Amino acid sequence: MNPTIPSLDLGPTAHSIAGFASSSAPVLYAWTQNFFGFLIGLAIVLSVLFLFGIIYCTEKLKMIRQKEHDHFDLKVEEAYETDVKADPGVAKRWDNVMRHIESDNQNDWRQAIMEADIILDDLLNKMEYHGDGVGEKLKRVEKADFDSLDEAWEAHKFRNQIAHQGSTMAINQYEAKRIINLYKKVFTEFYFIQN
């Protein structure tokens, strides 16, 4: 025996929906295919435009950076003349200072410090600082233009003590050499003597 499956009657609405779906499927498929094809084409065109936009913006940014560099990264000019270099006359005077400082005589140490201060005065004159004496000239110096300004002041103050107290001021060779090294730091900063 064959059992029969009762047929299900869906009615006229269900048949029309099923008929519509079977007849419109190729149209719907074609429409979706055309729509996605359009989207892919649009995406390619937009991608190329955006790529050109990125390249354009990058090049413009490079130009802006170059203008910023030219404007803000200015070359710093030296605050002193570049021709203030070691010359034979100063080198000979500095050798004389070094010869005095290596002596065993206190008067020679004093003489070395006095001579070094005269060389400092010459350096300040060449750098076009004006004033009555080394102290007045050092007051006009900007710290930013003169890294060894503190050393120059310390050495000059020691020289002033020697000038005012003369031979009554007792100094030892270690202290005299320390003061000469302060002068040397100033002179080598400005290439006034060879290091």
Protein backbone atom coordinates (compact mmCIF):
# COMPACT_ATOMS: atom_id res chain seq x y z
CA MET A 1 0.00 0.00 0.00
CA ASN A 2 1.03 3.30 -0.93
CA PRO A 3 0.16 5.95 1.47
CA THR A 4 -0.82 9.10 -0.32
CA ILE A 5 0.36 12.39 0.80
CA PRO A 6 -2.45 14.75 0.97
CA SER A 7 -1.88 17.72 -1.29
CA LEU A 8 -1.68 21.01 0.30
CA ASP A 9 -3.59 23.74 -1.34
CA LEU A 10 -1.82 27.02 -0.75
CA GLY A 11 -4.29 29.15 -2.50
CA PRO A 12 -4.03 31.64 -5.33
CA THR A 13 -1.81 34.14 -3.40
CA ALA A 14 0.88 31.64 -2.66
CA HIS A 15 0.95 30.48 -6.25
CA SER A 16 1.32 34.04 -7.49
CA ILE A 17 4.23 34.74 -5.08
CA ALA A 18 5.98 31.57 -6.09
CA GLY A 19 5.42 32.38 -9.73
CA PHE A 20 6.72 35.94 -9.26
CA ALA A 21 9.85 34.71 -7.45
CA SER A 22 10.64 32.19 -10.15
CA SER A 23 10.09 34.68 -12.94
CA SER A 24 11.88 37.67 -11.30
CA ALA A 25 14.96 35.83 -10.05
CA PRO A 26 16.96 36.37 -13.26
CA VAL A 27 15.97 40.05 -13.29
CA LEU A 28 16.96 40.51 -9.65
CA TYR A 29 20.24 38.68 -10.25
CA ALA A 30 21.01 40.87 -13.25
CA TRP A 31 20.12 44.02 -11.33
CA THR A 32 22.40 43.07 -8.37
CA GLN A 33 25.18 42.18 -10.76
CA ASN A 34 24.88 45.55 -12.48
CA PHE A 35 24.69 47.37 -9.12
CA PHE A 36 27.85 45.68 -7.75
CA GLY A 37 29.62 46.28 -11.06
CA PHE A 38 28.74 49.98 -10.75
CA LEU A 39 30.03 50.03 -7.14
CA ILE A 40 33.31 48.38 -8.13
CA GLY A 41 33.79 50.84 -10.98
CA LEU A 42 33.01 53.76 -8.67
CA ALA A 43 35.42 52.41 -6.04
CA ILE A 44 38.24 52.16 -8.61
CA VAL A 45 37.66 55.72 -9.81
CA LEU A 46 37.50 57.07 -6.23
CA SER A 47 40.63 55.12 -5.24
CA VAL A 48 42.60 56.63 -8.12
CA LEU A 49 41.34 60.12 -7.22
CA PHE A 50 42.23 59.64 -3.55
CA LEU A 51 45.68 58.31 -4.51
CA PHE A 52 46.34 61.45 -6.59
CA GLY A 53 45.00 63.54 -3.69
CA ILE A 54 47.41 61.89 -1.24
CA ILE A 55 50.37 62.42 -3.59
CA TYR A 56 49.37 66.07 -4.13
CA CYS A 57 48.98 66.73 -0.39
CA THR A 58 52.31 65.04 0.39
CA GLU A 59 54.14 67.21 -2.14
CA LYS A 60 52.46 70.37 -0.81
CA LEU A 61 53.39 69.38 2.75
CA LYS A 62 57.02 68.94 1.67
CA MET A 63 56.98 72.45 0.20
CA ILE A 64 55.49 73.87 3.41
CA ARG A 65 58.12 72.08 5.52
CA GLN A 66 60.88 73.47 3.31
CA LYS A 67 59.50 77.00 3.70
CA GLU A 68 59.30 76.50 7.49
CA HIS A 69 62.88 75.25 7.52
CA ASP A 70 64.07 78.23 5.47
CA HIS A 71 62.17 80.66 7.67
CA PHE A 72 62.72 79.30 11.18
CA ASP A 73 66.07 77.50 10.95
CA LEU A 74 68.11 80.59 10.27
CA LYS A 75 71.84 80.36 10.34
CA VAL A 76 73.27 81.77 13.54
CA GLU A 77 75.90 84.36 12.92
CA GLU A 78 78.82 84.48 15.28
CA ALA A 79 78.82 87.39 17.70
CA TYR A 80 82.49 88.04 17.09
CA GLU A 81 84.59 88.47 14.02
CA THR A 82 85.58 85.20 12.43
CA ASP A 83 89.04 86.56 11.66
CA VAL A 84 89.84 86.51 15.39
CA LYS A 85 92.25 83.61 14.97
CA ALA A 86 95.51 82.64 16.52
CA ASP A 87 98.20 84.91 15.17
CA PRO A 88 101.95 84.64 15.63
CA GLY A 89 102.16 87.71 17.89
CA VAL A 90 99.59 86.38 20.33
CA ALA A 91 101.12 82.90 20.14
CA LYS A 92 104.51 84.37 21.11
CA ARG A 93 102.95 86.28 24.02
CA TRP A 94 101.09 83.15 25.17
CA ASP A 95 104.34 81.15 25.05
CA ASN A 96 105.85 83.83 27.27
CA VAL A 97 102.92 83.42 29.72
CA MET A 98 103.44 79.66 29.78
CA ARG A 99 107.18 80.06 30.35
CA HIS A 100 106.49 82.37 33.32
CA ILE A 101 103.91 80.02 34.86
CA GLU A 102 106.36 77.09 34.75
CA SER A 103 108.98 79.09 36.63
CA ASP A 104 109.72 78.55 40.32
CA ASN A 105 109.46 82.26 41.06
CA GLN A 106 106.20 83.76 42.47
CA ASN A 107 106.85 87.03 40.64
CA ASP A 108 106.91 85.16 37.33
CA TRP A 109 103.49 83.61 38.17
CA ARG A 110 102.13 87.08 38.86
CA GLN A 111 103.65 88.32 35.62
CA ALA A 112 102.04 85.42 33.71
CA ILE A 113 98.59 86.31 35.07
CA MET A 114 99.04 90.02 34.31
CA GLU A 115 100.14 89.23 30.75
CA ALA A 116 97.21 86.82 30.25
CA ASP A 117 94.82 89.58 31.30
CA ILE A 118 96.37 91.93 28.74
CA ILE A 119 95.80 89.26 26.07
CA LEU A 120 92.16 89.01 27.26
CA ASP A 121 91.85 92.78 26.82
CA ASP A 122 93.18 92.46 23.25
CA LEU A 123 90.66 89.69 22.52
CA LEU A 124 87.76 91.82 23.81
CA ASN A 125 88.98 94.75 21.69
CA LYS A 126 89.04 92.57 18.57
CA MET A 127 85.53 91.40 19.39
CA GLU A 128 84.60 95.12 19.52
CA TYR A 129 83.62 95.35 23.17
CA HIS A 130 84.26 98.83 24.45
CA GLY A 131 84.88 100.17 27.93
CA ASP A 132 87.53 101.33 30.37
CA GLY A 133 89.47 98.18 31.10
CA VAL A 134 88.67 94.50 30.97
CA GLY A 135 85.99 94.65 33.68
CA GLU A 136 83.91 97.24 31.80
CA LYS A 137 84.20 95.25 28.59
CA LEU A 138 83.18 92.01 30.30
CA LYS A 139 80.06 93.73 31.66
CA ARG A 140 78.93 94.34 28.08
CA VAL A 141 79.28 90.68 27.06
CA GLU A 142 76.13 88.57 26.71
CA LYS A 143 76.42 85.15 28.34
CA ALA A 144 74.90 83.52 25.25
CA ASP A 145 77.76 84.90 23.11
CA PHE A 146 80.54 83.90 25.48
CA ASP A 147 80.47 80.39 26.96
CA SER A 148 83.56 80.98 29.09
CA LEU A 149 82.39 84.33 30.50
CA ASP A 150 82.41 83.05 34.10
CA GLU A 151 85.99 81.86 33.69
CA ALA A 152 87.01 85.23 32.24
CA TRP A 153 85.46 87.03 35.22
CA GLU A 154 87.10 84.75 37.78
CA ALA A 155 90.53 85.09 36.17
CA HIS A 156 90.20 88.88 35.83
CA LYS A 157 89.13 89.27 39.50
CA PHE A 158 92.18 87.27 40.59
CA ARG A 159 94.35 89.50 38.40
CA ASN A 160 92.82 92.56 40.10
CA GLN A 161 93.76 91.16 43.52
CA ILE A 162 97.34 90.79 42.34
CA ALA A 163 97.34 94.30 40.89
CA HIS A 164 96.03 95.84 44.14
CA GLN A 165 98.02 93.77 46.64
CA GLY A 166 101.19 93.35 44.58
CA SER A 167 103.92 91.20 46.07
CA THR A 168 102.18 91.12 49.45
CA MET A 169 99.62 88.68 48.02
CA ALA A 170 100.91 85.16 48.50
CA ILE A 171 100.04 82.78 45.69
CA ASN A 172 101.10 79.22 45.01
CA GLN A 173 101.91 77.71 41.65
CA TYR A 174 98.87 75.44 41.67
CA GLU A 175 96.51 78.44 42.01
CA ALA A 176 98.46 80.43 39.41
CA LYS A 177 98.21 77.55 36.91
CA ARG A 178 94.49 77.21 37.61
CA ILE A 179 93.98 80.90 36.78
CA ILE A 180 96.07 80.59 33.61
CA ASN A 181 93.91 77.62 32.57
CA LEU A 182 90.83 79.83 32.97
CA TYR A 183 92.35 82.35 30.57
CA LYS A 184 93.31 79.50 28.24
CA LYS A 185 89.70 78.28 28.14
CA VAL A 186 88.56 81.75 27.06
CA PHE A 187 91.23 82.08 24.40
CA THR A 188 90.67 78.64 22.91
CA GLU A 189 86.89 79.22 22.76
CA PHE A 190 87.51 82.10 20.37
CA TYR A 191 90.47 80.46 18.58
CA PHE A 192 92.69 83.26 19.85
CA ILE A 193 95.38 80.71 20.69
CA GLN A 194 95.98 77.13 19.58
CA ASN A 195 94.82 74.53 22.07
